[in-house]
């Protein structure tokens, strides 16, 4: 997944959890960080990947794996 190469390791972790359907609170608890920090990472992820929301994140992930929605 070449599109992930611009993300930090933490951003990659958070992207994977978004794709799995976890909400910000669940991500924060799982990673031991604040919800605010999760939100900051998500904004950075969206900007780097040129997407606007979780639906587009899942679509990007699925299309990169040859599974168009």
PDB file of N, CA and C in Angstrom:
ATOM      1  N   UNK A   1       0.838  -1.181   0.000  1.00  0.00           N
ATOM      2  CA  UNK A   1       0.000   0.000   0.000  1.00  0.00           C
ATOM      3  C   UNK A   1       0.882   1.242   0.000  1.00  0.00           C
ATOM      4  N   UNK A   2       1.210   1.659  -1.183  1.00  0.00           N
ATOM      5  CA  UNK A   2       2.103   2.795  -1.353  1.00  0.00           C
ATOM      6  C   UNK A   2       1.574   4.084  -0.745  1.00  0.00           C
ATOM      7  N   UNK A   3       0.266   4.218  -0.691  1.00  0.00           N
ATOM      8  CA  UNK A   3      -0.302   5.471  -0.181  1.00  0.00           C
ATOM      9  C   UNK A   3       0.015   5.681   1.295  1.00  0.00           C
ATOM     10  N   UNK A   4       0.399   4.625   2.009  1.00  0.00           N
ATOM     11  CA  UNK A   4       0.722   4.748   3.426  1.00  0.00           C
ATOM     12  C   UNK A   4       2.148   5.221   3.683  1.00  0.00           C
ATOM     13  N   UNK A   5       2.982   5.260   2.644  1.00  0.00           N
ATOM     14  CA  UNK A   5       4.394   5.579   2.839  1.00  0.00           C
ATOM     15  C   UNK A   5       4.625   6.979   3.404  1.00  0.00           C
ATOM     16  N   UNK A   6       3.678   7.886   3.217  1.00  0.00           N
ATOM     17  CA  UNK A   6       3.818   9.249   3.726  1.00  0.00           C
ATOM     18  C   UNK A   6       3.350   9.396   5.174  1.00  0.00           C
ATOM     19  N   UNK A   7       2.786   8.333   5.743  1.00  0.00           N
ATOM     20  CA  UNK A   7       2.285   8.397   7.113  1.00  0.00           C
ATOM     21  C   UNK A   7       3.351   7.955   8.102  1.00  0.00           C
ATOM     22  N   UNK A   8       3.279   8.509   9.313  1.00  0.00           N
ATOM     23  CA  UNK A   8       4.153   8.044  10.387  1.00  0.00           C
ATOM     24  C   UNK A   8       3.657   6.674  10.857  1.00  0.00           C
ATOM     25  N   UNK A   9       4.464   6.000  11.646  1.00  0.00           N
ATOM     26  CA  UNK A   9       4.041   4.700  12.176  1.00  0.00           C
ATOM     27  C   UNK A   9       2.746   4.814  12.969  1.00  0.00           C
ATOM     28  N   UNK A  10       2.636   5.832  13.801  1.00  0.00           N
ATOM     29  CA  UNK A  10       1.430   6.028  14.604  1.00  0.00           C
ATOM     30  C   UNK A  10       0.226   6.299  13.706  1.00  0.00           C
ATOM     31  N   UNK A  11       0.420   7.102  12.681  1.00  0.00           N
ATOM     32  CA  UNK A  11      -0.670   7.384  11.754  1.00  0.00           C
ATOM     33  C   UNK A  11      -1.101   6.119  11.019  1.00  0.00           C
ATOM     34  N   UNK A  12      -0.152   5.260  10.674  1.00  0.00           N
ATOM     35  CA  UNK A  12      -0.492   3.984  10.043  1.00  0.00           C
ATOM     36  C   UNK A  12      -1.333   3.135  10.993  1.00  0.00           C
ATOM     37  N   UNK A  13      -0.957   3.112  12.276  1.00  0.00           N
ATOM     38  CA  UNK A  13      -1.732   2.356  13.274  1.00  0.00           C
ATOM     39  C   UNK A  13      -3.158   2.884  13.338  1.00  0.00           C
ATOM     40  N   UNK A  14      -3.285   4.187  13.416  1.00  0.00           N
ATOM     41  CA  UNK A  14      -4.601   4.803  13.541  1.00  0.00           C
ATOM     42  C   UNK A  14      -5.415   4.579  12.266  1.00  0.00           C
ATOM     43  N   UNK A  15      -4.787   4.689  11.106  1.00  0.00           N
ATOM     44  CA  UNK A  15      -5.488   4.429   9.848  1.00  0.00           C
ATOM     45  C   UNK A  15      -6.052   3.009   9.847  1.00  0.00           C
ATOM     46  N   UNK A  16      -5.246   2.046  10.271  1.00  0.00           N
ATOM     47  CA  UNK A  16      -5.699   0.653  10.308  1.00  0.00           C
ATOM     48  C   UNK A  16      -6.897   0.488  11.234  1.00  0.00           C
ATOM     49  N   UNK A  17      -6.902   1.179  12.353  1.00  0.00           N
ATOM     50  CA  UNK A  17      -8.006   1.076  13.306  1.00  0.00           C
ATOM     51  C   UNK A  17      -9.258   1.771  12.772  1.00  0.00           C
ATOM     52  N   UNK A  18      -9.070   2.851  12.035  1.00  0.00           N
ATOM     53  CA  UNK A  18     -10.208   3.517  11.390  1.00  0.00           C
ATOM     54  C   UNK A  18     -10.861   2.558  10.401  1.00  0.00           C
ATOM     55  N   UNK A  19     -10.033   1.904   9.594  1.00  0.00           N
ATOM     56  CA  UNK A  19     -10.538   0.979   8.581  1.00  0.00           C
ATOM     57  C   UNK A  19     -11.276  -0.191   9.233  1.00  0.00           C
ATOM     58  N   UNK A  20     -10.837  -0.584  10.440  1.00  0.00           N
ATOM     59  CA  UNK A  20     -11.512  -1.670  11.165  1.00  0.00           C
ATOM     60  C   UNK A  20     -12.830  -1.216  11.781  1.00  0.00           C
ATOM     61  N   UNK A  21     -13.082   0.095  11.767  1.00  0.00           N
ATOM     62  CA  UNK A  21     -14.366   0.601  12.242  1.00  0.00           C
ATOM     63  C   UNK A  21     -14.370   1.131  13.660  1.00  0.00           C
ATOM     64  N   UNK A  22     -13.192   1.292  14.267  1.00  0.00           N
ATOM     65  CA  UNK A  22     -13.156   1.813  15.630  1.00  0.00           C
ATOM     66  C   UNK A  22     -13.422   3.311  15.644  1.00  0.00           C
ATOM     67  N   UNK A  23     -14.073   3.780  16.689  1.00  0.00           N
ATOM     68  CA  UNK A  23     -14.315   5.213  16.856  1.00  0.00           C
ATOM     69  C   UNK A  23     -13.102   5.845  17.554  1.00  0.00           C
ATOM     70  N   UNK A  24     -13.061   7.161  17.591  1.00  0.00           N
ATOM     71  CA  UNK A  24     -11.925   7.870  18.175  1.00  0.00           C
ATOM     72  C   UNK A  24     -11.676   7.460  19.620  1.00  0.00           C
ATOM     73  N   UNK A  25     -12.741   7.311  20.390  1.00  0.00           N
ATOM     74  CA  UNK A  25     -12.595   6.953  21.797  1.00  0.00           C
ATOM     75  C   UNK A  25     -11.968   5.565  21.933  1.00  0.00           C
ATOM     76  N   UNK A  26     -12.409   4.626  21.123  1.00  0.00           N
ATOM     77  CA  UNK A  26     -11.852   3.268  21.164  1.00  0.00           C
ATOM     78  C   UNK A  26     -10.380   3.268  20.764  1.00  0.00           C
ATOM     79  N   UNK A  27     -10.043   4.050  19.741  1.00  0.00           N
ATOM     80  CA  UNK A  27      -8.655   4.149  19.302  1.00  0.00           C
ATOM     81  C   UNK A  27      -7.792   4.721  20.423  1.00  0.00           C
ATOM     82  N   UNK A  28      -8.278   5.777  21.053  1.00  0.00           N
ATOM     83  CA  UNK A  28      -7.538   6.415  22.145  1.00  0.00           C
ATOM     84  C   UNK A  28      -7.283   5.436  23.284  1.00  0.00           C
ATOM     85  N   UNK A  29      -8.305   4.709  23.680  1.00  0.00           N
ATOM     86  CA  UNK A  29      -8.146   3.744  24.773  1.00  0.00           C
ATOM     87  C   UNK A  29      -7.175   2.632  24.402  1.00  0.00           C
ATOM     88  N   UNK A  30      -7.286   2.144  23.195  1.00  0.00           N
ATOM     89  CA  UNK A  30      -6.429   1.053  22.743  1.00  0.00           C
ATOM     90  C   UNK A  30      -4.960   1.471  22.680  1.00  0.00           C
ATOM     91  N   UNK A  31      -4.706   2.701  22.224  1.00  0.00           N
ATOM     92  CA  UNK A  31      -3.326   3.165  22.053  1.00  0.00           C
ATOM     93  C   UNK A  31      -2.785   3.923  23.270  1.00  0.00           C
ATOM     94  N   UNK A  32      -3.649   4.180  24.243  1.00  0.00           N
ATOM     95  CA  UNK A  32      -3.208   4.877  25.449  1.00  0.00           C
ATOM     96  C   UNK A  32      -2.883   6.341  25.205  1.00  0.00           C
ATOM     97  N   UNK A  33      -3.664   6.978  24.323  1.00  0.00           N
ATOM     98  CA  UNK A  33      -3.496   8.400  24.037  1.00  0.00           C
ATOM     99  C   UNK A  33      -4.847   9.088  24.179  1.00  0.00           C
ATOM    100  N   UNK A  34      -4.838  10.404  24.180  1.00  0.00           N
ATOM    101  CA  UNK A  34      -6.102  11.137  24.343  1.00  0.00           C
ATOM    102  C   UNK A  34      -6.895  11.155  23.038  1.00  0.00           C
ATOM    103  N   UNK A  35      -8.190  11.362  23.176  1.00  0.00           N
ATOM    104  CA  UNK A  35      -9.038  11.493  21.991  1.00  0.00           C
ATOM    105  C   UNK A  35      -8.602  12.686  21.152  1.00  0.00           C
ATOM    106  N   UNK A  36      -8.172  13.757  21.803  1.00  0.00           N
ATOM    107  CA  UNK A  36      -7.699  14.939  21.087  1.00  0.00           C
ATOM    108  C   UNK A  36      -6.494  14.592  20.211  1.00  0.00           C
ATOM    109  N   UNK A  37      -5.586  13.793  20.744  1.00  0.00           N
ATOM    110  CA  UNK A  37      -4.416  13.373  19.974  1.00  0.00           C
ATOM    111  C   UNK A  37      -4.840  12.516  18.790  1.00  0.00           C
ATOM    112  N   UNK A  38      -5.807  11.633  19.002  1.00  0.00           N
ATOM    113  CA  UNK A  38      -6.330  10.813  17.907  1.00  0.00           C
ATOM    114  C   UNK A  38      -6.897  11.722  16.829  1.00  0.00           C
ATOM    115  N   UNK A  39      -7.683  12.713  17.223  1.00  0.00           N
ATOM    116  CA  UNK A  39      -8.285  13.628  16.261  1.00  0.00           C
ATOM    117  C   UNK A  39      -7.220  14.392  15.468  1.00  0.00           C
ATOM    118  N   UNK A  40      -6.145  14.793  16.140  1.00  0.00           N
ATOM    119  CA  UNK A  40      -5.058  15.488  15.447  1.00  0.00           C
ATOM    120  C   UNK A  40      -4.401  14.572  14.415  1.00  0.00           C
ATOM    121  N   UNK A  41      -4.165  13.327  14.809  1.00  0.00           N
ATOM    122  CA  UNK A  41      -3.577  12.366  13.877  1.00  0.00           C
ATOM    123  C   UNK A  41      -4.507  12.138  12.680  1.00  0.00           C
ATOM    124  N   UNK A  42      -5.789  12.019  12.946  1.00  0.00           N
ATOM    125  CA  UNK A  42      -6.744  11.777  11.862  1.00  0.00           C
ATOM    126  C   UNK A  42      -6.766  12.943  10.886  1.00  0.00           C
ATOM    127  N   UNK A  43      -6.737  14.163  11.388  1.00  0.00           N
ATOM    128  CA  UNK A  43      -6.684  15.325  10.495  1.00  0.00           C
ATOM    129  C   UNK A  43      -5.443  15.274   9.608  1.00  0.00           C
ATOM    130  N   UNK A  44      -4.315  14.904  10.200  1.00  0.00           N
ATOM    131  CA  UNK A  44      -3.071  14.798   9.429  1.00  0.00           C
ATOM    132  C   UNK A  44      -3.149  13.688   8.392  1.00  0.00           C
ATOM    133  N   UNK A  45      -3.740  12.566   8.775  1.00  0.00           N
ATOM    134  CA  UNK A  45      -3.906  11.438   7.855  1.00  0.00           C
ATOM    135  C   UNK A  45      -4.762  11.865   6.668  1.00  0.00           C
ATOM    136  N   UNK A  46      -5.886  12.491   6.938  1.00  0.00           N
ATOM    137  CA  UNK A  46      -6.791  12.924   5.879  1.00  0.00           C
ATOM    138  C   UNK A  46      -6.076  13.883   4.923  1.00  0.00           C
ATOM    139  N   UNK A  47      -5.337  14.821   5.487  1.00  0.00           N
ATOM    140  CA  UNK A  47      -4.628  15.793   4.659  1.00  0.00           C
ATOM    141  C   UNK A  47      -3.584  15.104   3.784  1.00  0.00           C
ATOM    142  N   UNK A  48      -2.792  14.222   4.377  1.00  0.00           N
ATOM    143  CA  UNK A  48      -1.738  13.537   3.624  1.00  0.00           C
ATOM    144  C   UNK A  48      -2.298  12.638   2.533  1.00  0.00           C
ATOM    145  N   UNK A  49      -3.439  12.019   2.783  1.00  0.00           N
ATOM    146  CA  UNK A  49      -4.015  11.079   1.831  1.00  0.00           C
ATOM    147  C   UNK A  49      -5.013  11.735   0.882  1.00  0.00           C
ATOM    148  N   UNK A  50      -5.330  13.003   1.124  1.00  0.00           N
ATOM    149  CA  UNK A  50      -6.270  13.709   0.264  1.00  0.00           C
ATOM    150  C   UNK A  50      -7.691  13.186   0.384  1.00  0.00           C
ATOM    151  N   UNK A  51      -8.070  12.820   1.592  1.00  0.00           N
ATOM    152  CA  UNK A  51      -9.421  12.321   1.840  1.00  0.00           C
ATOM    153  C   UNK A  51     -10.101  13.218   2.862  1.00  0.00           C
ATOM    154  N   UNK A  52     -11.439  13.036   3.014  1.00  0.00           N
ATOM    155  CA  UNK A  52     -12.195  13.915   3.902  1.00  0.00           C
ATOM    156  C   UNK A  52     -12.842  13.223   5.088  1.00  0.00           C
ATOM    157  N   UNK A  53     -12.957  11.885   5.031  1.00  0.00           N
ATOM    158  CA  UNK A  53     -13.674  11.211   6.112  1.00  0.00           C
ATOM    159  C   UNK A  53     -13.346   9.722   6.160  1.00  0.00           C
ATOM    160  N   UNK A  54     -13.961   9.031   7.112  1.00  0.00           N
ATOM    161  CA  UNK A  54     -13.707   7.602   7.313  1.00  0.00           C
ATOM    162  C   UNK A  54     -14.162   6.756   6.123  1.00  0.00           C
ATOM    163  N   UNK A  55     -15.260   7.156   5.502  1.00  0.00           N
ATOM    164  CA  UNK A  55     -15.757   6.406   4.343  1.00  0.00           C
ATOM    165  C   UNK A  55     -14.708   6.420   3.236  1.00  0.00           C
ATOM    166  N   UNK A  56     -14.135   7.573   2.984  1.00  0.00           N
ATOM    167  CA  UNK A  56     -13.109   7.673   1.957  1.00  0.00           C
ATOM    168  C   UNK A  56     -11.856   6.891   2.365  1.00  0.00           C
ATOM    169  N   UNK A  57     -11.556   6.832   3.657  1.00  0.00           N
ATOM    170  CA  UNK A  57     -10.410   6.047   4.135  1.00  0.00           C
ATOM    171  C   UNK A  57     -10.615   4.569   3.828  1.00  0.00           C
ATOM    172  N   UNK A  58     -11.807   4.070   4.118  1.00  0.00           N
ATOM    173  CA  UNK A  58     -12.113   2.664   3.846  1.00  0.00           C
ATOM    174  C   UNK A  58     -12.094   2.402   2.349  1.00  0.00           C
ATOM    175  N   UNK A  59     -12.660   3.306   1.574  1.00  0.00           N
ATOM    176  CA  UNK A  59     -12.671   3.144   0.115  1.00  0.00           C
ATOM    177  C   UNK A  59     -11.239   3.085  -0.424  1.00  0.00           C
ATOM    178  N   UNK A  60     -10.373   3.987   0.037  1.00  0.00           N
ATOM    179  CA  UNK A  60      -8.984   3.997  -0.390  1.00  0.00           C
ATOM    180  C   UNK A  60      -8.295   2.684  -0.043  1.00  0.00           C
ATOM    181  N   UNK A  61      -8.526   2.204   1.168  1.00  0.00           N
ATOM    182  CA  UNK A  61      -7.943   0.933   1.601  1.00  0.00           C
ATOM    183  C   UNK A  61      -8.433  -0.216   0.730  1.00  0.00           C
ATOM    184  N   UNK A  62      -9.744  -0.287   0.513  1.00  0.00           N
ATOM    185  CA  UNK A  62     -10.310  -1.384  -0.273  1.00  0.00           C
ATOM    186  C   UNK A  62      -9.812  -1.346  -1.714  1.00  0.00           C
ATOM    187  N   UNK A  63      -9.778  -0.168  -2.309  1.00  0.00           N
ATOM    188  CA  UNK A  63      -9.329  -0.063  -3.696  1.00  0.00           C
ATOM    189  C   UNK A  63      -7.861  -0.408  -3.847  1.00  0.00           C
ATOM    190  N   UNK A  64      -7.063  -0.113  -2.827  1.00  0.00           N
ATOM    191  CA  UNK A  64      -5.634  -0.423  -2.893  1.00  0.00           C
ATOM    192  C   UNK A  64      -5.395  -1.937  -2.797  1.00  0.00           C
ATOM    193  N   UNK A  65      -6.371  -2.656  -2.286  1.00  0.00           N
ATOM    194  CA  UNK A  65      -6.270  -4.112  -2.164  1.00  0.00           C
ATOM    195  C   UNK A  65      -7.046  -4.843  -3.255  1.00  0.00           C
ATOM    196  N   UNK A  66      -7.453  -4.099  -4.277  1.00  0.00           N
ATOM    197  CA  UNK A  66      -8.154  -4.714  -5.396  1.00  0.00           C
ATOM    198  C   UNK A  66      -9.590  -5.077  -5.105  1.00  0.00           C
ATOM    199  N   UNK A  67     -10.179  -4.443  -4.101  1.00  0.00           N
ATOM    200  CA  UNK A  67     -11.573  -4.704  -3.736  1.00  0.00           C
ATOM    201  C   UNK A  67     -12.387  -3.422  -3.845  1.00  0.00           C
ATOM    202  N   UNK A  68     -12.731  -2.994  -5.063  1.00  0.00           N
ATOM    203  CA  UNK A  68     -13.508  -1.759  -5.189  1.00  0.00           C
ATOM    204  C   UNK A  68     -14.867  -1.879  -4.533  1.00  0.00           C
ATOM    205  N   UNK A  69     -15.316  -0.799  -3.957  1.00  0.00           N
ATOM    206  CA  UNK A  69     -16.627  -0.786  -3.301  1.00  0.00           C
ATOM    207  C   UNK A  69     -17.726  -0.580  -4.306  1.00  0.00           C
TER     208      UNK A  69
END
